Amino acid sequence: MPSPKHAALEDARDRALEVRALYEVLENRINGKVWTDHEIMIGFTNDVGYIGRLLLANEGTWGIEGDPRAELEHKLAESMWWIFVIADRLGIDMTDAFNDTMDTIKNGLAHAVKA
């Protein structure tokens, strides 16, 4: 079996952390401190919850102002941003974690499909 293609996420992570650094400047200016891990997680879960409504809007069963598809693109990308920020805070290399996880899942599924 050929070796799996692995994703390189470093550039996306670097861009995410550049944006996070700008938020931290504003947080320090406004609040006198940067958000805690807990506050970061609340922001992330808020956005994930909103994606559920956007999926309904995209299907035409929930009304929103604006373009549901454009909003979905924005919120999905923003969710990736949150993940990179959280991983950085926890010292997790998302490229390694993603690739290791995909390898594990793919190998498990490949065995299940063959059975």
PDB file of N, CA and C in Angstrom:
ATOM      1  N   MET A   1       0.847  -1.181   0.000  1.00  0.00           N
ATOM      2  CA  MET A   1       0.000   0.000   0.000  1.00  0.00           C
ATOM      3  C   MET A   1       0.894   1.247   0.000  1.00  0.00           C
ATOM      4  N   PRO A   2       0.599   2.232  -0.867  1.00  0.00           N
ATOM      5  CA  PRO A   2       1.427   3.450  -0.896  1.00  0.00           C
ATOM      6  C   PRO A   2       1.300   4.216   0.413  1.00  0.00           C
ATOM      7  N   SER A   3       2.362   4.951   0.725  1.00  0.00           N
ATOM      8  CA  SER A   3       2.310   5.737   1.957  1.00  0.00           C
ATOM      9  C   SER A   3       1.238   6.820   1.820  1.00  0.00           C
ATOM     10  N   PRO A   4       0.567   7.140   2.925  1.00  0.00           N
ATOM     11  CA  PRO A   4      -0.528   8.110   2.854  1.00  0.00           C
ATOM     12  C   PRO A   4      -0.021   9.532   2.601  1.00  0.00           C
ATOM     13  N   LYS A   5      -0.846  10.277   1.916  1.00  0.00           N
ATOM     14  CA  LYS A   5      -0.556  11.701   1.711  1.00  0.00           C
ATOM     15  C   LYS A   5      -0.845  12.415   3.022  1.00  0.00           C
ATOM     16  N   HIS A   6       0.099  13.204   3.480  1.00  0.00           N
ATOM     17  CA  HIS A   6      -0.078  13.905   4.742  1.00  0.00           C
ATOM     18  C   HIS A   6      -0.261  15.395   4.506  1.00  0.00           C
ATOM     19  N   ALA A   7      -1.131  15.971   5.303  1.00  0.00           N
ATOM     20  CA  ALA A   7      -1.415  17.398   5.212  1.00  0.00           C
ATOM     21  C   ALA A   7      -0.342  18.198   5.930  1.00  0.00           C
ATOM     22  N   ALA A   8       0.002  19.336   5.379  1.00  0.00           N
ATOM     23  CA  ALA A   8       0.902  20.284   6.027  1.00  0.00           C
ATOM     24  C   ALA A   8       0.054  21.481   6.451  1.00  0.00           C
ATOM     25  N   LEU A   9      -0.071  21.671   7.732  1.00  0.00           N
ATOM     26  CA  LEU A   9      -0.958  22.702   8.261  1.00  0.00           C
ATOM     27  C   LEU A   9      -0.203  23.889   8.862  1.00  0.00           C
ATOM     28  N   GLU A  10       1.120  23.866   8.757  1.00  0.00           N
ATOM     29  CA  GLU A  10       1.919  24.883   9.430  1.00  0.00           C
ATOM     30  C   GLU A  10       1.595  26.302   8.966  1.00  0.00           C
ATOM     31  N   ASP A  11       1.409  26.510   7.664  1.00  0.00           N
ATOM     32  CA  ASP A  11       1.121  27.857   7.165  1.00  0.00           C
ATOM     33  C   ASP A  11      -0.208  28.366   7.709  1.00  0.00           C
ATOM     34  N   ALA A  12      -1.213  27.499   7.733  1.00  0.00           N
ATOM     35  CA  ALA A  12      -2.516  27.890   8.277  1.00  0.00           C
ATOM     36  C   ALA A  12      -2.399  28.206   9.767  1.00  0.00           C
ATOM     37  N   ARG A  13      -1.651  27.370  10.499  1.00  0.00           N
ATOM     38  CA  ARG A  13      -1.433  27.618  11.924  1.00  0.00           C
ATOM     39  C   ARG A  13      -0.745  28.973  12.145  1.00  0.00           C
ATOM     40  N   ASP A  14       0.282  29.241  11.367  1.00  0.00           N
ATOM     41  CA  ASP A  14       1.014  30.502  11.520  1.00  0.00           C
ATOM     42  C   ASP A  14       0.108  31.702  11.280  1.00  0.00           C
ATOM     43  N   ARG A  15      -0.734  31.622  10.251  1.00  0.00           N
ATOM     44  CA  ARG A  15      -1.667  32.729   9.977  1.00  0.00           C
ATOM     45  C   ARG A  15      -2.669  32.877  11.120  1.00  0.00           C
ATOM     46  N   ALA A  16      -3.159  31.754  11.622  1.00  0.00           N
ATOM     47  CA  ALA A  16      -4.115  31.788  12.730  1.00  0.00           C
ATOM     48  C   ALA A  16      -3.497  32.449  13.955  1.00  0.00           C
ATOM     49  N   LEU A  17      -2.249  32.120  14.244  1.00  0.00           N
ATOM     50  CA  LEU A  17      -1.599  32.682  15.424  1.00  0.00           C
ATOM     51  C   LEU A  17      -1.259  34.160  15.245  1.00  0.00           C
ATOM     52  N   GLU A  18      -1.002  34.578  14.013  1.00  0.00           N
ATOM     53  CA  GLU A  18      -0.807  36.016  13.750  1.00  0.00           C
ATOM     54  C   GLU A  18      -2.079  36.791  14.075  1.00  0.00           C
ATOM     55  N   VAL A  19      -3.217  36.261  13.642  1.00  0.00           N
ATOM     56  CA  VAL A  19      -4.503  36.910  13.921  1.00  0.00           C
ATOM     57  C   VAL A  19      -4.772  36.891  15.426  1.00  0.00           C
ATOM     58  N   ARG A  20      -4.492  35.772  16.084  1.00  0.00           N
ATOM     59  CA  ARG A  20      -4.711  35.677  17.532  1.00  0.00           C
ATOM     60  C   ARG A  20      -3.869  36.712  18.271  1.00  0.00           C
ATOM     61  N   ALA A  21      -2.646  36.942  17.814  1.00  0.00           N
ATOM     62  CA  ALA A  21      -1.781  37.937  18.455  1.00  0.00           C
ATOM     63  C   ALA A  21      -2.412  39.330  18.388  1.00  0.00           C
ATOM     64  N   LEU A  22      -3.065  39.633  17.275  1.00  0.00           N
ATOM     65  CA  LEU A  22      -3.750  40.929  17.155  1.00  0.00           C
ATOM     66  C   LEU A  22      -4.927  41.021  18.123  1.00  0.00           C
ATOM     67  N   TYR A  23      -5.691  39.935  18.257  1.00  0.00           N
ATOM     68  CA  TYR A  23      -6.769  39.920  19.240  1.00  0.00           C
ATOM     69  C   TYR A  23      -6.235  40.142  20.646  1.00  0.00           C
ATOM     70  N   GLU A  24      -5.082  39.554  20.948  1.00  0.00           N
ATOM     71  CA  GLU A  24      -4.515  39.698  22.285  1.00  0.00           C
ATOM     72  C   GLU A  24      -4.147  41.147  22.594  1.00  0.00           C
ATOM     73  N   VAL A  25      -3.701  41.880  21.589  1.00  0.00           N
ATOM     74  CA  VAL A  25      -3.415  43.307  21.780  1.00  0.00           C
ATOM     75  C   VAL A  25      -4.694  44.032  22.192  1.00  0.00           C
ATOM     76  N   LEU A  26      -5.791  43.747  21.468  1.00  0.00           N
ATOM     77  CA  LEU A  26      -7.070  44.393  21.801  1.00  0.00           C
ATOM     78  C   LEU A  26      -7.586  43.946  23.169  1.00  0.00           C
ATOM     79  N   GLU A  27      -7.473  42.656  23.470  1.00  0.00           N
ATOM     80  CA  GLU A  27      -7.935  42.160  24.771  1.00  0.00           C
ATOM     81  C   GLU A  27      -7.179  42.831  25.910  1.00  0.00           C
ATOM     82  N   ASN A  28      -5.871  42.969  25.754  1.00  0.00           N
ATOM     83  CA  ASN A  28      -5.085  43.665  26.779  1.00  0.00           C
ATOM     84  C   ASN A  28      -5.514  45.113  26.909  1.00  0.00           C
ATOM     85  N   ARG A  29      -5.769  45.749  25.786  1.00  0.00           N
ATOM     86  CA  ARG A  29      -6.168  47.156  25.796  1.00  0.00           C
ATOM     87  C   ARG A  29      -7.543  47.325  26.447  1.00  0.00           C
ATOM     88  N   ILE A  30      -8.482  46.437  26.132  1.00  0.00           N
ATOM     89  CA  ILE A  30      -9.859  46.579  26.607  1.00  0.00           C
ATOM     90  C   ILE A  30     -10.047  45.975  27.999  1.00  0.00           C
ATOM     91  N   ASN A  31      -9.504  44.784  28.222  1.00  0.00           N
ATOM     92  CA  ASN A  31      -9.750  44.047  29.460  1.00  0.00           C
ATOM     93  C   ASN A  31      -8.565  44.023  30.417  1.00  0.00           C
ATOM     94  N   GLY A  32      -7.394  44.439  29.939  1.00  0.00           N
ATOM     95  CA  GLY A  32      -6.207  44.383  30.774  1.00  0.00           C
ATOM     96  C   GLY A  32      -5.600  42.993  30.869  1.00  0.00           C
ATOM     97  N   LYS A  33      -6.112  42.055  30.075  1.00  0.00           N
ATOM     98  CA  LYS A  33      -5.596  40.687  30.046  1.00  0.00           C
ATOM     99  C   LYS A  33      -6.103  40.002  28.781  1.00  0.00           C
ATOM    100  N   VAL A  34      -5.423  38.913  28.413  1.00  0.00           N
ATOM    101  CA  VAL A  34      -5.882  38.131  27.268  1.00  0.00           C
ATOM    102  C   VAL A  34      -6.882  37.088  27.755  1.00  0.00           C
ATOM    103  N   TRP A  35      -7.667  36.584  26.823  1.00  0.00           N
ATOM    104  CA  TRP A  35      -8.653  35.564  27.157  1.00  0.00           C
ATOM    105  C   TRP A  35      -7.977  34.320  27.722  1.00  0.00           C
ATOM    106  N   THR A  36      -8.645  33.696  28.671  1.00  0.00           N
ATOM    107  CA  THR A  36      -8.193  32.424  29.224  1.00  0.00           C
ATOM    108  C   THR A  36      -8.542  31.301  28.243  1.00  0.00           C
ATOM    109  N   ASP A  37      -8.011  30.123  28.516  1.00  0.00           N
ATOM    110  CA  ASP A  37      -8.374  28.962  27.697  1.00  0.00           C
ATOM    111  C   ASP A  37      -9.887  28.731  27.728  1.00  0.00           C
ATOM    112  N   HIS A  38     -10.486  28.916  28.885  1.00  0.00           N
ATOM    113  CA  HIS A  38     -11.933  28.722  29.031  1.00  0.00           C
ATOM    114  C   HIS A  38     -12.707  29.714  28.156  1.00  0.00           C
ATOM    115  N   GLU A  39     -12.284  30.965  28.151  1.00  0.00           N
ATOM    116  CA  GLU A  39     -12.953  31.973  27.325  1.00  0.00           C
ATOM    117  C   GLU A  39     -12.776  31.662  25.831  1.00  0.00           C
ATOM    118  N   ILE A  40     -11.586  31.197  25.474  1.00  0.00           N
ATOM    119  CA  ILE A  40     -11.339  30.785  24.084  1.00  0.00           C
ATOM    120  C   ILE A  40     -12.315  29.665  23.708  1.00  0.00           C
ATOM    121  N   MET A  41     -12.475  28.696  24.587  1.00  0.00           N
ATOM    122  CA  MET A  41     -13.355  27.566  24.300  1.00  0.00           C
ATOM    123  C   MET A  41     -14.804  28.005  24.173  1.00  0.00           C
ATOM    124  N   ILE A  42     -15.231  28.946  24.979  1.00  0.00           N
ATOM    125  CA  ILE A  42     -16.599  29.461  24.873  1.00  0.00           C
ATOM    126  C   ILE A  42     -16.805  30.132  23.513  1.00  0.00           C
ATOM    127  N   GLY A  43     -15.822  30.907  23.065  1.00  0.00           N
ATOM    128  CA  GLY A  43     -15.919  31.514  21.740  1.00  0.00           C
ATOM    129  C   GLY A  43     -16.039  30.465  20.648  1.00  0.00           C
ATOM    130  N   PHE A  44     -15.234  29.421  20.757  1.00  0.00           N
ATOM    131  CA  PHE A  44     -15.264  28.338  19.774  1.00  0.00           C
ATOM    132  C   PHE A  44     -16.614  27.631  19.772  1.00  0.00           C
ATOM    133  N   THR A  45     -17.119  27.270  20.943  1.00  0.00           N
ATOM    134  CA  THR A  45     -18.395  26.551  20.989  1.00  0.00           C
ATOM    135  C   THR A  45     -19.547  27.416  20.506  1.00  0.00           C
ATOM    136  N   ASN A  46     -19.483  28.713  20.737  1.00  0.00           N
ATOM    137  CA  ASN A  46     -20.498  29.622  20.179  1.00  0.00           C
ATOM    138  C   ASN A  46     -20.516  29.537  18.660  1.00  0.00           C
ATOM    139  N   ASP A  47     -19.335  29.577  18.061  1.00  0.00           N
ATOM    140  CA  ASP A  47     -19.255  29.515  16.601  1.00  0.00           C
ATOM    141  C   ASP A  47     -19.715  28.160  16.064  1.00  0.00           C
ATOM    142  N   VAL A  48     -19.362  27.080  16.751  1.00  0.00           N
ATOM    143  CA  VAL A  48     -19.798  25.751  16.314  1.00  0.00           C
ATOM    144  C   VAL A  48     -21.317  25.650  16.384  1.00  0.00           C
ATOM    145  N   GLY A  49     -21.902  26.180  17.446  1.00  0.00           N
ATOM    146  CA  GLY A  49     -23.363  26.185  17.553  1.00  0.00           C
ATOM    147  C   GLY A  49     -24.013  26.962  16.424  1.00  0.00           C
ATOM    148  N   TYR A  50     -23.428  28.075  16.069  1.00  0.00           N
ATOM    149  CA  TYR A  50     -23.977  28.892  14.986  1.00  0.00           C
ATOM    150  C   TYR A  50     -23.898  28.165  13.644  1.00  0.00           C
ATOM    151  N   ILE A  51     -22.887  27.322  13.469  1.00  0.00           N
ATOM    152  CA  ILE A  51     -22.781  26.540  12.232  1.00  0.00           C
ATOM    153  C   ILE A  51     -24.022  25.664  12.066  1.00  0.00           C
ATOM    154  N   GLY A  52     -24.548  25.129  13.149  1.00  0.00           N
ATOM    155  CA  GLY A  52     -25.779  24.341  13.075  1.00  0.00           C
ATOM    156  C   GLY A  52     -26.928  25.142  12.497  1.00  0.00           C
ATOM    157  N   ARG A  53     -27.093  26.364  12.938  1.00  0.00           N
ATOM    158  CA  ARG A  53     -28.150  27.220  12.384  1.00  0.00           C
ATOM    159  C   ARG A  53     -27.869  27.573  10.929  1.00  0.00           C
ATOM    160  N   LEU A  54     -26.617  27.789  10.617  1.00  0.00           N
ATOM    161  CA  LEU A  54     -26.274  28.103   9.228  1.00  0.00           C
ATOM    162  C   LEU A  54     -26.552  26.935   8.298  1.00  0.00           C
ATOM    163  N   LEU A  55     -26.364  25.708   8.787  1.00  0.00           N
ATOM    164  CA  LEU A  55     -26.708  24.542   7.974  1.00  0.00           C
ATOM    165  C   LEU A  55     -28.205  24.515   7.697  1.00  0.00           C
ATOM    166  N   LEU A  56     -29.000  24.829   8.710  1.00  0.00           N
ATOM    167  CA  LEU A  56     -30.448  24.924   8.501  1.00  0.00           C
ATOM    168  C   LEU A  56     -30.783  26.034   7.505  1.00  0.00           C
ATOM    169  N   ALA A  57     -30.122  27.168   7.636  1.00  0.00           N
ATOM    170  CA  ALA A  57     -30.358  28.279   6.709  1.00  0.00           C
ATOM    171  C   ALA A  57     -29.970  27.892   5.293  1.00  0.00           C
ATOM    172  N   ASN A  58     -28.874  27.167   5.163  1.00  0.00           N
ATOM    173  CA  ASN A  58     -28.419  26.721   3.852  1.00  0.00           C
ATOM    174  C   ASN A  58     -29.440  25.785   3.203  1.00  0.00           C
ATOM    175  N   GLU A  59     -30.152  25.007   4.027  1.00  0.00           N
ATOM    176  CA  GLU A  59     -31.192  24.103   3.533  1.00  0.00           C
ATOM    177  C   GLU A  59     -32.529  24.807   3.349  1.00  0.00           C
ATOM    178  N   GLY A  60     -32.609  26.076   3.775  1.00  0.00           N
ATOM    179  CA  GLY A  60     -33.827  26.843   3.614  1.00  0.00           C
ATOM    180  C   GLY A  60     -34.838  26.682   4.736  1.00  0.00           C
ATOM    181  N   THR A  61     -34.445  26.069   5.857  1.00  0.00           N
ATOM    182  CA  THR A  61     -35.392  25.858   6.956  1.00  0.00           C
ATOM    183  C   THR A  61     -35.181  26.810   8.131  1.00  0.00           C
ATOM    184  N   TRP A  62     -34.223  27.698   8.020  1.00  0.00           N
ATOM    185  CA  TRP A  62     -33.964  28.699   9.069  1.00  0.00           C
ATOM    186  C   TRP A  62     -33.589  29.989   8.362  1.00  0.00           C
ATOM    187  N   GLY A  63     -34.274  31.067   8.681  1.00  0.00           N
ATOM    188  CA  GLY A  63     -34.004  32.334   8.016  1.00  0.00           C
ATOM    189  C   GLY A  63     -32.877  33.110   8.679  1.00  0.00           C
ATOM    190  N   ILE A  64     -31.996  33.627   7.864  1.00  0.00           N
ATOM    191  CA  ILE A  64     -30.954  34.539   8.346  1.00  0.00           C
ATOM    192  C   ILE A  64     -30.830  35.675   7.358  1.00  0.00           C
ATOM    193  N   GLU A  65     -30.258  36.766   7.814  1.00  0.00           N
ATOM    194  CA  GLU A  65     -29.917  37.846   6.895  1.00  0.00           C
ATOM    195  C   GLU A  65     -28.582  37.503   6.260  1.00  0.00           C
ATOM    196  N   GLY A  66     -28.463  37.728   4.980  1.00  0.00           N
ATOM    197  CA  GLY A  66     -27.201  37.455   4.313  1.00  0.00           C
ATOM    198  C   GLY A  66     -27.217  36.106   3.620  1.00  0.00           C
ATOM    199  N   ASP A  67     -26.064  35.756   3.092  1.00  0.00           N
ATOM    200  CA  ASP A  67     -25.879  34.544   2.301  1.00  0.00           C
ATOM    201  C   ASP A  67     -25.432  33.399   3.203  1.00  0.00           C
ATOM    202  N   PRO A  68     -26.267  32.367   3.376  1.00  0.00           N
ATOM    203  CA  PRO A  68     -25.883  31.260   4.258  1.00  0.00           C
ATOM    204  C   PRO A  68     -24.569  30.596   3.844  1.00  0.00           C
ATOM    205  N   ARG A  69     -24.360  30.442   2.550  1.00  0.00           N
ATOM    206  CA  ARG A  69     -23.132  29.789   2.080  1.00  0.00           C
ATOM    207  C   ARG A  69     -21.898  30.607   2.482  1.00  0.00           C
ATOM    208  N   ALA A  70     -21.946  31.906   2.279  1.00  0.00           N
ATOM    209  CA  ALA A  70     -20.824  32.772   2.652  1.00  0.00           C
ATOM    210  C   ALA A  70     -20.602  32.746   4.164  1.00  0.00           C
ATOM    211  N   GLU A  71     -21.681  32.742   4.916  1.00  0.00           N
ATOM    212  CA  GLU A  71     -21.566  32.679   6.376  1.00  0.00           C
ATOM    213  C   GLU A  71     -20.976  31.346   6.821  1.00  0.00           C
ATOM    214  N   LEU A  72     -21.384  30.242   6.153  1.00  0.00           N
ATOM    215  CA  LEU A  72     -20.813  28.933   6.475  1.00  0.00           C
ATOM    216  C   LEU A  72     -19.318  28.904   6.198  1.00  0.00           C
ATOM    217  N   GLU A  73     -18.912  29.434   5.063  1.00  0.00           N
ATOM    218  CA  GLU A  73     -17.486  29.475   4.735  1.00  0.00           C
ATOM    219  C   GLU A  73     -16.716  30.227   5.818  1.00  0.00           C
ATOM    220  N   HIS A  74     -17.274  31.359   6.223  1.00  0.00           N
ATOM    221  CA  HIS A  74     -16.620  32.175   7.253  1.00  0.00           C
ATOM    222  C   HIS A  74     -16.523  31.431   8.578  1.00  0.00           C
ATOM    223  N   LYS A  75     -17.635  30.862   9.038  1.00  0.00           N
ATOM    224  CA  LYS A  75     -17.651  30.213  10.349  1.00  0.00           C
ATOM    225  C   LYS A  75     -16.841  28.913  10.361  1.00  0.00           C
ATOM    226  N   LEU A  76     -16.836  28.169   9.260  1.00  0.00           N
ATOM    227  CA  LEU A  76     -16.009  26.964   9.211  1.00  0.00           C
ATOM    228  C   LEU A  76     -14.523  27.336   9.260  1.00  0.00           C
ATOM    229  N   ALA A  77     -14.146  28.371   8.517  1.00  0.00           N
ATOM    230  CA  ALA A  77     -12.749  28.822   8.557  1.00  0.00           C
ATOM    231  C   ALA A  77     -12.394  29.358   9.940  1.00  0.00           C
ATOM    232  N   GLU A  78     -13.321  30.087  10.531  1.00  0.00           N
ATOM    233  CA  GLU A  78     -13.074  30.623  11.869  1.00  0.00           C
ATOM    234  C   GLU A  78     -12.948  29.487  12.892  1.00  0.00           C
ATOM    235  N   SER A  79     -13.695  28.418  12.700  1.00  0.00           N
ATOM    236  CA  SER A  79     -13.592  27.264  13.591  1.00  0.00           C
ATOM    237  C   SER A  79     -12.211  26.620  13.499  1.00  0.00           C
ATOM    238  N   MET A  80     -11.672  26.562  12.294  1.00  0.00           N
ATOM    239  CA  MET A  80     -10.295  26.071  12.148  1.00  0.00           C
ATOM    240  C   MET A  80      -9.338  26.982  12.907  1.00  0.00           C
ATOM    241  N   TRP A  81      -9.585  28.272  12.817  1.00  0.00           N
ATOM    242  CA  TRP A  81      -8.748  29.237  13.530  1.00  0.00           C
ATOM    243  C   TRP A  81      -8.771  28.957  15.025  1.00  0.00           C
ATOM    244  N   TRP A  82      -9.973  28.765  15.589  1.00  0.00           N
ATOM    245  CA  TRP A  82     -10.089  28.470  17.010  1.00  0.00           C
ATOM    246  C   TRP A  82      -9.288  27.225  17.366  1.00  0.00           C
ATOM    247  N   ILE A  83      -9.382  26.183  16.526  1.00  0.00           N
ATOM    248  CA  ILE A  83      -8.678  24.928  16.802  1.00  0.00           C
ATOM    249  C   ILE A  83      -7.170  25.151  16.845  1.00  0.00           C
ATOM    250  N   PHE A  84      -6.643  25.916  15.900  1.00  0.00           N
ATOM    251  CA  PHE A  84      -5.212  26.201  15.909  1.00  0.00           C
ATOM    252  C   PHE A  84      -4.815  26.975  17.168  1.00  0.00           C
ATOM    253  N   VAL A  85      -5.654  27.910  17.580  1.00  0.00           N
ATOM    254  CA  VAL A  85      -5.363  28.706  18.776  1.00  0.00           C
ATOM    255  C   VAL A  85      -5.372  27.816  20.015  1.00  0.00           C
ATOM    256  N   ILE A  86      -6.389  26.978  20.139  1.00  0.00           N
ATOM    257  CA  ILE A  86      -6.478  26.087  21.299  1.00  0.00           C
ATOM    258  C   ILE A  86      -5.302  25.115  21.311  1.00  0.00           C
ATOM    259  N   ALA A  87      -4.992  24.532  20.170  1.00  0.00           N
ATOM    260  CA  ALA A  87      -3.865  23.589  20.091  1.00  0.00           C
ATOM    261  C   ALA A  87      -2.570  24.275  20.496  1.00  0.00           C
ATOM    262  N   ASP A  88      -2.363  25.508  20.030  1.00  0.00           N
ATOM    263  CA  ASP A  88      -1.149  26.237  20.388  1.00  0.00           C
ATOM    264  C   ASP A  88      -1.077  26.462  21.891  1.00  0.00           C
ATOM    265  N   ARG A  89      -2.198  26.836  22.480  1.00  0.00           N
ATOM    266  CA  ARG A  89      -2.228  27.054  23.920  1.00  0.00           C
ATOM    267  C   ARG A  89      -1.855  25.792  24.691  1.00  0.00           C
ATOM    268  N   LEU A  90      -2.220  24.631  24.139  1.00  0.00           N
ATOM    269  CA  LEU A  90      -1.985  23.354  24.817  1.00  0.00           C
ATOM    270  C   LEU A  90      -0.691  22.679  24.382  1.00  0.00           C
ATOM    271  N   GLY A  91       0.043  23.324  23.463  1.00  0.00           N
ATOM    272  CA  GLY A  91       1.298  22.754  22.993  1.00  0.00           C
ATOM    273  C   GLY A  91       1.113  21.526  22.106  1.00  0.00           C
ATOM    274  N   ILE A  92       0.011  21.484  21.364  1.00  0.00           N
ATOM    275  CA  ILE A  92      -0.289  20.361  20.477  1.00  0.00           C
ATOM    276  C   ILE A  92       0.053  20.745  19.048  1.00  0.00           C
ATOM    277  N   ASP A  93       0.820  19.915  18.374  1.00  0.00           N
ATOM    278  CA  ASP A  93       1.148  20.120  16.966  1.00  0.00           C
ATOM    279  C   ASP A  93       0.007  19.528  16.143  1.00  0.00           C
ATOM    280  N   MET A  94      -0.811  20.399  15.551  1.00  0.00           N
ATOM    281  CA  MET A  94      -1.995  19.929  14.830  1.00  0.00           C
ATOM    282  C   MET A  94      -1.653  19.172  13.556  1.00  0.00           C
ATOM    283  N   THR A  95      -0.523  19.468  12.929  1.00  0.00           N
ATOM    284  CA  THR A  95      -0.142  18.685  11.744  1.00  0.00           C
ATOM    285  C   THR A  95       0.084  17.239  12.143  1.00  0.00           C
ATOM    286  N   ASP A  96       0.861  17.026  13.198  1.00  0.00           N
ATOM    287  CA  ASP A  96       1.103  15.658  13.667  1.00  0.00           C
ATOM    288  C   ASP A  96      -0.186  15.019  14.171  1.00  0.00           C
ATOM    289  N   ALA A  97      -0.935  15.748  14.973  1.00  0.00           N
ATOM    290  CA  ALA A  97      -2.164  15.196  15.539  1.00  0.00           C
ATOM    291  C   ALA A  97      -3.161  14.831  14.437  1.00  0.00           C
ATOM    292  N   PHE A  98      -3.323  15.707  13.460  1.00  0.00           N
ATOM    293  CA  PHE A  98      -4.259  15.446  12.362  1.00  0.00           C
ATOM    294  C   PHE A  98      -3.823  14.229  11.565  1.00  0.00           C
ATOM    295  N   ASN A  99      -2.568  14.223  11.165  1.00  0.00           N
ATOM    296  CA  ASN A  99      -2.093  13.119  10.333  1.00  0.00           C
ATOM    297  C   ASN A  99      -2.121  11.786  11.082  1.00  0.00           C
ATOM    298  N   ASP A 100      -1.714  11.780  12.340  1.00  0.00           N
ATOM    299  CA  ASP A 100      -1.768  10.550  13.130  1.00  0.00           C
ATOM    300  C   ASP A 100      -3.212  10.062  13.273  1.00  0.00           C
ATOM    301  N   THR A 101      -4.121  10.988  13.538  1.00  0.00           N
ATOM    302  CA  THR A 101      -5.526  10.616  13.699  1.00  0.00           C
ATOM    303  C   THR A 101      -6.122  10.096  12.400  1.00  0.00           C
ATOM    304  N   MET A 102      -5.842  10.757  11.293  1.00  0.00           N
ATOM    305  CA  MET A 102      -6.370  10.297  10.006  1.00  0.00           C
ATOM    306  C   MET A 102      -5.805   8.933   9.632  1.00  0.00           C
ATOM    307  N   ASP A 103      -4.516   8.707   9.924  1.00  0.00           N
ATOM    308  CA  ASP A 103      -3.910   7.394   9.656  1.00  0.00           C
ATOM    309  C   ASP A 103      -4.623   6.312  10.468  1.00  0.00           C
ATOM    310  N   THR A 104      -4.841   6.595  11.749  1.00  0.00           N
ATOM    311  CA  THR A 104      -5.504   5.620  12.622  1.00  0.00           C
ATOM    312  C   THR A 104      -6.918   5.318  12.145  1.00  0.00           C
ATOM    313  N   ILE A 105      -7.678   6.357  11.840  1.00  0.00           N
ATOM    314  CA  ILE A 105      -9.059   6.173  11.377  1.00  0.00           C
ATOM    315  C   ILE A 105      -9.082   5.432  10.051  1.00  0.00           C
ATOM    316  N   LYS A 106      -8.233   5.857   9.129  1.00  0.00           N
ATOM    317  CA  LYS A 106      -8.213   5.227   7.814  1.00  0.00           C
ATOM    318  C   LYS A 106      -7.838   3.753   7.907  1.00  0.00           C
ATOM    319  N   ASN A 107      -6.835   3.436   8.716  1.00  0.00           N
ATOM    320  CA  ASN A 107      -6.432   2.030   8.880  1.00  0.00           C
ATOM    321  C   ASN A 107      -7.556   1.205   9.492  1.00  0.00           C
ATOM    322  N   GLY A 108      -8.240   1.753  10.482  1.00  0.00           N
ATOM    323  CA  GLY A 108      -9.358   1.052  11.088  1.00  0.00           C
ATOM    324  C   GLY A 108     -10.491   0.826  10.112  1.00  0.00           C
ATOM    325  N   LEU A 109     -10.791   1.839   9.315  1.00  0.00           N
ATOM    326  CA  LEU A 109     -11.851   1.698   8.313  1.00  0.00           C
ATOM    327  C   LEU A 109     -11.455   0.721   7.219  1.00  0.00           C
ATOM    328  N   ALA A 110     -10.191   0.755   6.807  1.00  0.00           N
ATOM    329  CA  ALA A 110      -9.724  -0.159   5.765  1.00  0.00           C
ATOM    330  C   ALA A 110      -9.882  -1.608   6.211  1.00  0.00           C
ATOM    331  N   HIS A 111      -9.573  -1.868   7.493  1.00  0.00           N
ATOM    332  CA  HIS A 111      -9.741  -3.227   8.030  1.00  0.00           C
ATOM    333  C   HIS A 111     -11.214  -3.595   8.107  1.00  0.00           C
ATOM    334  N   ALA A 112     -12.066  -2.638   8.500  1.00  0.00           N
ATOM    335  CA  ALA A 112     -13.504  -2.903   8.619  1.00  0.00           C
ATOM    336  C   ALA A 112     -14.124  -3.168   7.248  1.00  0.00           C
ATOM    337  N   VAL A 113     -13.683  -2.435   6.234  1.00  0.00           N
ATOM    338  CA  VAL A 113     -14.215  -2.596   4.893  1.00  0.00           C
ATOM    339  C   VAL A 113     -13.825  -3.954   4.319  1.00  0.00           C
ATOM    340  N   LYS A 114     -12.620  -4.405   4.642  1.00  0.00           N
ATOM    341  CA  LYS A 114     -12.135  -5.699   4.126  1.00  0.00           C
ATOM    342  C   LYS A 114     -12.825  -6.885   4.811  1.00  0.00           C
ATOM    343  N   ALA A 115     -13.319  -6.659   6.027  1.00  0.00           N
ATOM    344  CA  ALA A 115     -13.926  -7.767   6.795  1.00  0.00           C
ATOM    345  C   ALA A 115     -15.257  -8.208   6.220  1.00  0.00           C
TER     346      ALA A 115
END
